[in-house]
Amino acid sequence: MPSSKPGSRTQSGSGLNQAQRARARSFSYRLFSQLFLEGITAVSLPYVQQIPELTAVRPHPFNADAAAASHHKLFQFNIFPFESYFLGADGLVGGESTAVVNQLYFQLGYQTAVDNNQADHLGQELACLAFLVAQEAEAWESDHEPAISDWQTRQQFFLQRHLLRWVPACLLAIQCQANSFFAELAQVTLTLLLTHADDLDASTATVHPFLPPTQDILANEKTGFKEIARHLLLPALSGITLSRDNIGELGRHFDLPRGFGSRETMLLNLLRMAVQYDALPQLLANLQDSCADWVQNYQQLQAAYPQTIPFIAPWQQRAEATGRLLVQMTASTNH
């Protein structure tokens, strides 16, 4: 049998050799990074058009101003794609966890100028992953076994300690918004990420608890709608994401005023108005259905990508607990 040429070993079931496979994966991560950071631009549009799933849902005709406005609305007012936001118990972006990510970039060999407050943005973490996979591709092309193993280990570490812990929940949240392009981009990115994790067997390490502790807020007699609204709006506590548009849609569905202001103010107003208009049981039932949808989405991910169970199961458990909380609230309103 002829000896393999450098970088020519072919992945079973794939027409690409290992180097080509890594190059393609790195290119995808880099493009998706740019799209999440900036939206579709004149520069990225030709590359978007090479991906059938994205071409089918891209704005047509393309208008740069409209694309920028769509991106701004989604990621400035509805979904906050930051690790610190999704894993934190305070709903804030930045802080220590963001600084940790920024420091890790340098430890992984990813030398980039990133604003410290932006380091844990979904787009920045995907850019780092794109870099790590590109280095692996170069190692395959040089047929350098130790370097191949080293760069794969770095990818595995980054996936385990960061991306897998929060990005699936973030991407599912994006899919729940009325933006067909970014919903499809989220789906394509999620498939790429979880397939990558499966290939690396990224669940081999022990996964320590990564979501903040919760408590039974209804057990506290001082708990009111304000505390409930805050709990529902923190993904790491509730296991779900309620965007500004989601809250507005609920208000329109039940013909309830929700006012303006922050998401917390809007949801608080919605709950109070539901009481005033005798619509609280119906509103809570709708929220229960939403939790059930989240639970089902988490279950489907775990079934499709068994390696990710240690990372997805905690989110599913939070969504299930939130569903039970809403059932308790409904029962209390009927007495």
Protein backbone atom coordinates (compact mmCIF):
# COMPACT_ATOMS: atom_id res chain seq x y z
CA MET A 1 0.00 0.00 0.00
CA PRO A 2 1.47 3.40 -0.91
CA SER A 3 2.46 5.64 1.98
CA SER A 4 0.24 8.57 2.84
CA LYS A 5 1.26 12.01 1.73
CA PRO A 6 1.37 14.77 4.37
CA GLY A 7 -2.14 15.83 5.32
CA SER A 8 -3.73 13.27 3.01
CA ARG A 9 -5.35 10.93 5.52
CA THR A 10 -9.04 10.91 4.77
CA GLN A 11 -11.81 11.03 7.36
CA SER A 12 -13.98 7.94 7.05
CA GLY A 13 -17.14 8.67 5.11
CA SER A 14 -15.86 12.04 3.89
CA GLY A 15 -14.43 13.08 0.55
CA LEU A 16 -12.10 15.52 2.30
CA ASN A 17 -8.79 14.67 3.89
CA GLN A 18 -8.15 15.80 7.45
CA ALA A 19 -6.42 19.03 6.46
CA GLN A 20 -9.19 20.01 4.06
CA ARG A 21 -11.82 19.13 6.64
CA ALA A 22 -10.14 21.35 9.23
CA ARG A 23 -9.75 24.19 6.70
CA ALA A 24 -13.45 24.04 5.83
CA ARG A 25 -14.44 24.00 9.50
CA SER A 26 -12.15 26.96 10.26
CA PHE A 27 -13.57 28.93 7.31
CA SER A 28 -17.12 28.32 8.53
CA TYR A 29 -16.33 29.40 12.08
CA ARG A 30 -14.62 32.54 10.80
CA LEU A 31 -17.54 33.48 8.55
CA PHE A 32 -20.13 32.77 11.25
CA SER A 33 -18.06 34.82 13.68
CA GLN A 34 -18.20 37.82 11.35
CA LEU A 35 -21.94 37.42 10.81
CA PHE A 36 -22.71 37.31 14.52
CA LEU A 37 -20.44 40.29 15.17
CA GLU A 38 -21.46 42.51 12.25
CA GLY A 39 -24.42 40.99 10.42
CA ILE A 40 -24.37 40.54 6.64
CA THR A 41 -22.11 43.07 4.95
CA ALA A 42 -21.07 43.66 1.35
CA VAL A 43 -17.85 41.81 2.17
CA SER A 44 -19.47 38.72 3.71
CA LEU A 45 -22.41 38.50 1.29
CA PRO A 46 -20.52 36.54 -1.44
CA TYR A 47 -19.50 33.94 1.15
CA VAL A 48 -23.04 33.71 2.54
CA GLN A 49 -24.21 32.95 -0.98
CA GLN A 50 -21.99 29.85 -1.03
CA ILE A 51 -24.02 28.26 1.78
CA PRO A 52 -27.41 27.02 0.50
CA GLU A 53 -29.09 27.08 3.92
CA LEU A 54 -28.18 30.75 4.40
CA THR A 55 -28.80 31.80 0.81
CA ALA A 56 -32.38 30.53 1.10
CA VAL A 57 -33.13 32.96 3.92
CA ARG A 58 -30.85 35.92 3.25
CA PRO A 59 -32.49 39.32 2.72
CA HIS A 60 -33.17 39.88 -0.97
CA PRO A 61 -32.40 42.29 -2.41
CA PHE A 62 -29.50 42.99 -0.09
CA ASN A 63 -29.47 46.38 1.58
CA ALA A 64 -26.51 47.12 3.84
CA ASP A 65 -28.37 49.61 6.04
CA ALA A 66 -31.34 47.28 6.52
CA ALA A 67 -29.00 44.38 7.33
CA ALA A 68 -27.16 46.47 9.93
CA ALA A 69 -30.47 47.56 11.49
CA SER A 70 -31.70 43.96 11.65
CA HIS A 71 -28.48 42.85 13.35
CA HIS A 72 -28.65 45.75 15.79
CA LYS A 73 -32.25 45.05 16.76
CA LEU A 74 -31.60 41.36 17.37
CA PHE A 75 -28.37 41.62 19.33
CA GLN A 76 -28.76 44.95 21.11
CA PHE A 77 -32.40 44.70 22.20
CA ASN A 78 -33.35 41.02 22.23
CA ILE A 79 -30.54 38.47 22.52
CA PHE A 80 -27.30 39.28 24.32
CA PRO A 81 -24.79 36.74 22.93
CA PHE A 82 -22.22 36.87 25.72
CA GLU A 83 -20.95 34.08 27.93
CA SER A 84 -21.09 36.36 30.98
CA TYR A 85 -24.77 37.07 30.33
CA PHE A 86 -25.87 33.48 29.73
CA LEU A 87 -23.91 31.95 32.61
CA GLY A 88 -24.26 34.76 35.13
CA ALA A 89 -26.79 35.17 37.93
CA ASP A 90 -26.95 38.96 37.56
CA GLY A 91 -27.93 39.41 33.91
CA LEU A 92 -24.91 41.62 33.27
CA VAL A 93 -22.33 41.55 30.48
CA GLY A 94 -18.64 41.71 31.28
CA GLY A 95 -16.86 41.33 34.59
CA GLU A 96 -14.57 38.58 35.80
CA SER A 97 -15.81 35.84 33.49
CA THR A 98 -15.17 38.04 30.45
CA ALA A 99 -11.66 38.81 31.66
CA VAL A 100 -11.03 35.08 32.09
CA VAL A 101 -11.98 34.44 28.47
CA ASN A 102 -9.75 37.26 27.27
CA GLN A 103 -6.82 35.86 29.21
CA LEU A 104 -7.51 32.37 27.90
CA TYR A 105 -7.17 33.58 24.31
CA PHE A 106 -3.52 34.36 24.94
CA GLN A 107 -2.97 31.06 26.74
CA LEU A 108 -4.39 29.22 23.73
CA GLY A 109 -2.08 31.13 21.39
CA TYR A 110 -4.82 33.32 19.96
CA GLN A 111 -3.15 36.71 19.89
CA THR A 112 -5.86 39.20 19.04
CA ALA A 113 -6.84 42.71 20.02
CA VAL A 114 -10.25 42.27 21.62
CA ASP A 115 -11.94 44.85 23.79
CA ASN A 116 -12.14 43.27 27.22
CA ASN A 117 -15.89 43.86 27.38
CA GLN A 118 -16.36 42.02 24.07
CA ALA A 119 -14.05 39.06 24.64
CA ASP A 120 -16.83 36.62 25.54
CA HIS A 121 -19.12 37.59 22.65
CA LEU A 122 -20.32 34.61 20.62
CA GLY A 123 -18.58 35.98 17.53
CA GLN A 124 -15.25 36.41 19.34
CA GLU A 125 -15.32 32.89 20.78
CA LEU A 126 -16.10 31.46 17.34
CA ALA A 127 -13.19 33.48 15.93
CA CYS A 128 -10.87 31.92 18.49
CA LEU A 129 -12.15 28.45 17.57
CA ALA A 130 -11.59 29.27 13.88
CA PHE A 131 -7.97 30.11 14.71
CA LEU A 132 -7.42 26.91 16.67
CA VAL A 133 -8.85 24.75 13.87
CA ALA A 134 -6.76 26.61 11.25
CA GLN A 135 -3.63 25.77 13.25
CA GLU A 136 -4.71 22.13 13.30
CA ALA A 137 -5.10 22.25 9.51
CA GLU A 138 -1.53 23.55 9.14
CA ALA A 139 -0.30 20.72 11.36
CA TRP A 140 -2.11 18.17 9.18
CA GLU A 141 -0.55 19.71 6.07
CA SER A 142 2.88 19.38 7.67
CA ASP A 143 2.06 15.87 8.92
CA HIS A 144 3.17 16.98 12.39
CA GLU A 145 1.47 14.53 14.76
CA PRO A 146 2.40 16.23 18.07
CA ALA A 147 1.11 19.59 16.79
CA ILE A 148 -2.12 18.00 15.51
CA SER A 149 -2.77 16.51 18.94
CA ASP A 150 -1.85 19.76 20.70
CA TRP A 151 -4.21 21.95 18.67
CA GLN A 152 -7.04 19.43 19.02
CA THR A 153 -6.49 19.39 22.78
CA ARG A 154 -6.74 23.19 22.87
CA GLN A 155 -10.00 23.04 20.91
CA GLN A 156 -11.35 20.40 23.26
CA PHE A 157 -10.43 22.50 26.30
CA PHE A 158 -12.05 25.64 24.88
CA LEU A 159 -15.21 23.74 23.98
CA GLN A 160 -15.46 22.06 27.39
CA ARG A 161 -14.71 25.07 29.56
CA HIS A 162 -16.56 27.69 27.57
CA LEU A 163 -18.51 27.25 24.31
CA LEU A 164 -20.42 24.06 25.15
CA ARG A 165 -21.55 25.48 28.47
CA TRP A 166 -23.55 28.36 27.04
CA VAL A 167 -23.58 28.62 23.25
CA PRO A 168 -26.27 25.92 22.66
CA ALA A 169 -28.69 27.84 24.90
CA CYS A 170 -27.78 31.09 23.15
CA LEU A 171 -28.25 29.64 19.66
CA LEU A 172 -31.60 28.10 20.64
CA ALA A 173 -32.66 31.53 21.89
CA ILE A 174 -31.75 33.10 18.55
CA GLN A 175 -33.87 30.49 16.78
CA CYS A 176 -36.86 31.63 18.85
CA GLN A 177 -36.72 35.14 17.37
CA ALA A 178 -38.52 36.43 14.30
CA ASN A 179 -35.38 36.75 12.20
CA SER A 180 -35.23 33.96 9.63
CA PHE A 181 -31.63 34.58 8.56
CA PHE A 182 -30.12 34.52 12.04
CA ALA A 183 -32.40 31.66 13.08
CA GLU A 184 -30.95 29.57 10.24
CA LEU A 185 -27.42 30.79 10.98
CA ALA A 186 -27.92 29.70 14.60
CA GLN A 187 -29.04 26.25 13.46
CA VAL A 188 -26.10 25.82 11.07
CA THR A 189 -23.66 27.05 13.73
CA LEU A 190 -25.13 24.72 16.35
CA THR A 191 -24.80 21.72 14.03
CA LEU A 192 -21.20 22.64 13.21
CA LEU A 193 -20.29 23.16 16.86
CA LEU A 194 -21.86 19.98 18.22
CA THR A 195 -20.51 17.84 15.37
CA HIS A 196 -17.09 19.26 16.13
CA ALA A 197 -17.50 18.42 19.81
CA ASP A 198 -18.52 14.87 18.91
CA ASP A 199 -15.47 14.47 16.67
CA LEU A 200 -13.20 15.56 19.52
CA ASP A 201 -15.16 13.60 22.14
CA ALA A 202 -15.37 16.85 24.09
CA SER A 203 -17.28 15.28 26.97
CA THR A 204 -14.44 13.04 28.15
CA ALA A 205 -13.47 15.35 31.00
CA THR A 206 -15.50 15.63 34.19
CA VAL A 207 -17.97 18.49 33.79
CA HIS A 208 -18.29 20.43 37.02
CA PRO A 209 -21.45 22.47 37.72
CA PHE A 210 -21.34 25.63 35.63
CA LEU A 211 -24.77 27.20 36.22
CA PRO A 212 -25.26 29.37 39.32
CA PRO A 213 -27.23 27.89 42.24
CA THR A 214 -30.96 28.55 42.41
CA GLN A 215 -33.52 28.55 45.18
CA ASP A 216 -37.24 27.96 45.42
CA ILE A 217 -38.31 31.58 45.12
CA LEU A 218 -41.97 30.77 45.76
CA ALA A 219 -41.01 29.41 49.20
CA ASN A 220 -40.17 32.96 50.22
CA GLU A 221 -43.34 34.76 51.27
CA LYS A 222 -41.79 38.07 50.22
CA THR A 223 -41.51 36.93 46.60
CA GLY A 224 -43.59 39.06 44.24
CA PHE A 225 -43.89 39.61 40.53
CA LYS A 226 -40.64 41.59 40.50
CA GLU A 227 -38.61 38.63 41.76
CA ILE A 228 -40.47 36.23 39.47
CA ALA A 229 -39.88 38.42 36.43
CA ARG A 230 -36.19 38.68 37.20
CA HIS A 231 -35.90 34.91 37.62
CA LEU A 232 -37.64 34.26 34.30
CA LEU A 233 -35.37 36.70 32.47
CA LEU A 234 -32.06 35.20 33.63
CA PRO A 235 -31.22 32.29 31.30
CA ALA A 236 -28.84 30.64 33.78
CA LEU A 237 -31.60 30.49 36.40
CA SER A 238 -34.68 29.80 34.26
CA GLY A 239 -33.12 27.72 31.47
CA ILE A 240 -35.04 29.79 28.89
CA THR A 241 -34.67 33.15 27.18
CA LEU A 242 -37.43 35.74 26.95
CA SER A 243 -36.48 38.56 24.62
CA ARG A 244 -38.05 41.99 24.36
CA ASP A 245 -39.88 40.84 21.23
CA ASN A 246 -41.07 37.66 22.98
CA ILE A 247 -42.57 39.77 25.78
CA GLY A 248 -44.16 42.14 23.28
CA GLU A 249 -45.69 39.21 21.41
CA LEU A 250 -47.18 37.89 24.66
CA GLY A 251 -48.74 41.28 25.33
CA ARG A 252 -50.25 41.45 21.85
CA HIS A 253 -51.53 37.87 22.07
CA PHE A 254 -53.50 38.62 25.24
CA ASP A 255 -54.19 42.24 24.34
CA LEU A 256 -52.34 43.42 27.45
CA PRO A 257 -50.37 46.66 27.80
CA ARG A 258 -46.74 46.04 28.73
CA GLY A 259 -45.33 49.56 28.46
CA PHE A 260 -41.76 50.41 27.58
CA GLY A 261 -38.38 50.26 29.24
CA SER A 262 -36.19 47.31 30.12
CA ARG A 263 -37.24 43.71 29.56
CA GLU A 264 -37.74 43.36 33.32
CA THR A 265 -40.03 46.39 33.40
CA MET A 266 -42.00 45.11 30.42
CA LEU A 267 -42.48 41.62 31.87
CA LEU A 268 -43.35 43.02 35.30
CA ASN A 269 -45.98 45.28 33.73
CA LEU A 270 -47.32 42.36 31.71
CA LEU A 271 -47.76 40.19 34.81
CA ARG A 272 -49.47 42.99 36.72
CA MET A 273 -51.77 43.84 33.81
CA ALA A 274 -52.65 40.15 33.43
CA VAL A 275 -53.96 40.20 37.01
CA GLN A 276 -55.93 43.37 36.37
CA TYR A 277 -57.49 41.92 33.19
CA ASP A 278 -58.10 38.44 34.70
CA ALA A 279 -55.69 36.92 32.19
CA LEU A 280 -52.94 35.67 34.50
CA PRO A 281 -53.80 31.92 34.26
CA GLN A 282 -53.78 32.13 30.45
CA LEU A 283 -50.50 34.04 30.42
CA LEU A 284 -48.88 31.52 32.78
CA ALA A 285 -50.16 28.65 30.63
CA ASN A 286 -48.53 30.25 27.59
CA LEU A 287 -45.24 30.56 29.47
CA GLN A 288 -45.53 26.91 30.53
CA ASP A 289 -45.89 25.93 26.88
CA SER A 290 -42.78 27.94 26.10
CA CYS A 291 -40.84 26.10 28.81
CA ALA A 292 -42.06 22.78 27.40
CA ASP A 293 -40.74 23.81 23.98
CA TRP A 294 -37.35 24.63 25.48
CA VAL A 295 -37.24 21.27 27.28
CA GLN A 296 -38.06 19.48 24.03
CA ASN A 297 -35.32 21.37 22.17
CA TYR A 298 -32.76 20.41 24.81
CA GLN A 299 -33.89 16.78 24.66
CA GLN A 300 -33.53 16.74 20.88
CA LEU A 301 -29.98 18.08 21.11
CA GLN A 302 -28.99 15.42 23.61
CA ALA A 303 -30.51 12.68 21.47
CA ALA A 304 -28.73 13.90 18.34
CA TYR A 305 -25.39 14.58 20.04
CA PRO A 306 -25.00 12.23 23.05
CA GLN A 307 -21.54 13.61 23.79
CA THR A 308 -23.12 16.93 24.77
CA ILE A 309 -25.47 15.53 27.44
CA PRO A 310 -23.32 16.78 30.38
CA PHE A 311 -23.54 20.29 28.94
CA ILE A 312 -27.18 20.36 27.82
CA ALA A 313 -28.81 18.44 30.69
CA PRO A 314 -28.30 21.24 33.27
CA TRP A 315 -30.13 23.67 30.98
CA GLN A 316 -32.96 21.22 30.49
CA GLN A 317 -33.28 20.76 34.25
CA ARG A 318 -33.52 24.54 34.72
CA ALA A 319 -36.27 24.81 32.08
CA GLU A 320 -38.17 21.94 33.72
CA ALA A 321 -37.90 23.65 37.11
CA THR A 322 -39.20 26.89 35.61
CA GLY A 323 -42.15 24.99 34.17
CA ARG A 324 -42.94 23.63 37.64
CA LEU A 325 -42.67 27.13 39.11
CA LEU A 326 -45.24 28.38 36.60
CA VAL A 327 -47.54 25.46 37.43
CA GLN A 328 -47.32 26.40 41.12
CA MET A 329 -48.16 30.00 40.29
CA THR A 330 -51.14 28.88 38.23
CA ALA A 331 -52.40 26.69 41.09
CA SER A 332 -52.11 29.60 43.53
CA THR A 333 -54.14 31.87 41.26
CA ASN A 334 -56.98 29.34 41.26
CA HIS A 335 -57.38 29.42 45.04
